[in-house]
């Protein structure tokens, strides 16, 4: 069938499906999740004492999780604060990535022609 490829290889190449739009499905939600997670933490820290815990946990779950996970070891302030920020931003980024990836999936599924 093909000039350079045998017939079996042509069938194999045609059967492998590429994931549709990997930039909009993975990269854009990851970048937006990191930015949203950082901003959510930046907004939740100063207003933590005035807002109810449930609202703070809803918009910035990394803040409360970092408070629970941080060890009680007496390290330097920079070490403690650095790990606190890493945990909080990472959890917030994963939380918002899941939300944005779900939205990207729903938009992509709605836009795709149905078979």
Protein backbone atom coordinates (compact mmCIF):
# COMPACT_ATOMS: atom_id res chain seq x y z
CA UNK A 1 0.00 0.00 0.00
CA UNK A 2 2.67 2.50 0.96
CA UNK A 3 5.86 3.09 -0.94
CA UNK A 4 8.12 3.24 2.11
CA UNK A 5 6.06 1.42 4.74
CA UNK A 6 4.63 -2.09 4.68
CA UNK A 7 0.85 -2.47 4.95
CA UNK A 8 0.90 -3.57 8.58
CA UNK A 9 2.87 -0.49 9.62
CA UNK A 10 0.45 1.83 7.79
CA UNK A 11 -2.45 0.30 9.70
CA UNK A 12 -0.54 0.69 12.97
CA UNK A 13 0.26 4.32 12.28
CA UNK A 14 -3.36 5.10 11.38
CA UNK A 15 -4.69 3.34 14.49
CA UNK A 16 -2.65 5.36 16.99
CA UNK A 17 -4.62 8.39 18.05
CA UNK A 18 -2.92 11.57 19.14
CA UNK A 19 -4.38 13.24 22.21
CA UNK A 20 -6.46 16.18 21.08
CA UNK A 21 -5.03 19.61 21.83
CA UNK A 22 -2.45 18.81 24.55
CA UNK A 23 -1.66 22.50 25.06
CA UNK A 24 -5.24 23.37 26.01
CA UNK A 25 -5.77 20.09 27.86
CA UNK A 26 -2.59 20.06 30.05
CA UNK A 27 -0.20 23.00 29.71
CA UNK A 28 -2.62 25.92 29.87
CA UNK A 29 -4.56 24.54 32.89
CA UNK A 30 -1.25 23.84 34.67
CA UNK A 31 0.01 27.39 34.15
CA UNK A 32 -3.34 28.90 35.06
CA UNK A 33 -3.57 26.63 38.12
CA UNK A 34 -0.15 27.72 39.35
CA UNK A 35 -1.05 31.38 38.93
CA UNK A 36 -4.48 30.97 40.53
CA UNK A 37 -3.01 28.93 43.40
CA UNK A 38 -0.42 31.60 44.13
CA UNK A 39 -3.00 34.38 44.00
CA UNK A 40 -5.43 32.42 46.18
CA UNK A 41 -2.73 31.99 48.81
CA UNK A 42 -1.79 35.67 48.57
CA UNK A 43 -5.41 36.67 49.14
CA UNK A 44 -6.13 34.08 51.85
CA UNK A 45 -3.18 34.80 54.15
CA UNK A 46 -4.08 38.39 55.13
CA UNK A 47 -7.80 37.66 55.42
CA UNK A 48 -7.46 34.35 57.29
CA UNK A 49 -8.34 35.86 60.65
CA UNK A 50 -11.47 37.66 59.42
CA UNK A 51 -13.01 34.98 57.18
CA UNK A 52 -14.54 31.69 58.36
CA UNK A 53 -12.29 28.65 58.08
CA UNK A 54 -14.57 26.94 55.59
CA UNK A 55 -14.31 29.83 53.11
CA UNK A 56 -10.54 30.04 53.45
CA UNK A 57 -10.28 26.28 52.97
CA UNK A 58 -12.54 26.42 49.93
CA UNK A 59 -10.48 29.02 48.08
CA UNK A 60 -7.03 28.11 49.43
CA UNK A 61 -6.86 24.48 50.59
CA UNK A 62 -3.08 24.63 50.54
CA UNK A 63 -2.99 27.11 53.40
CA UNK A 64 -4.78 24.83 55.84
CA UNK A 65 -2.97 21.72 54.64
CA UNK A 66 0.41 23.43 55.03
CA UNK A 67 -0.53 24.37 58.59
CA UNK A 68 -1.30 20.72 59.35
CA UNK A 69 1.71 19.20 57.57
CA UNK A 70 4.46 21.51 58.81
CA UNK A 71 6.58 19.70 61.37
CA UNK A 72 7.01 20.98 64.89
CA UNK A 73 10.79 20.76 64.57
CA UNK A 74 12.63 23.89 65.55
CA UNK A 75 14.39 24.88 62.36
CA UNK A 76 15.28 28.35 61.15
CA UNK A 77 12.49 30.73 60.23
CA UNK A 78 13.55 30.77 56.58
CA UNK A 79 13.47 26.94 56.39
CA UNK A 80 10.02 26.77 58.00
CA UNK A 81 8.53 29.58 55.93
CA UNK A 82 10.06 28.24 52.71
CA UNK A 83 8.57 24.78 53.18
CA UNK A 84 5.27 26.29 54.25
CA UNK A 85 5.09 28.25 50.99
CA UNK A 86 6.15 25.26 48.88
CA UNK A 87 3.43 23.07 50.36
CA UNK A 88 0.71 25.73 50.21
CA UNK A 89 1.43 26.85 46.64
CA UNK A 90 1.82 23.25 45.44
CA UNK A 91 -1.49 22.12 46.90
CA UNK A 92 -3.29 25.21 45.63
CA UNK A 93 -1.79 24.74 42.16
CA UNK A 94 -2.89 21.09 42.07
CA UNK A 95 -6.38 22.07 43.28
CA UNK A 96 -6.84 24.77 40.64
CA UNK A 97 -5.20 22.62 37.95
CA UNK A 98 -7.85 19.96 38.58
CA UNK A 99 -10.60 22.56 38.22
CA UNK A 100 -9.14 24.11 35.05
CA UNK A 101 -8.36 20.73 33.49
CA UNK A 102 -11.94 19.61 34.08
CA UNK A 103 -13.21 22.82 32.48
CA UNK A 104 -10.85 22.35 29.51
CA UNK A 105 -12.06 18.77 29.11
CA UNK A 106 -15.71 19.83 29.17
CA UNK A 107 -15.14 22.65 26.69
CA UNK A 108 -13.09 20.40 24.40
CA UNK A 109 -15.68 17.62 24.58
CA UNK A 110 -18.47 20.04 23.78
CA UNK A 111 -16.51 21.51 20.86
CA UNK A 112 -15.51 18.15 19.36
CA UNK A 113 -17.82 16.61 16.79
CA UNK A 114 -19.74 13.69 18.25
CA UNK A 115 -19.25 10.31 16.66
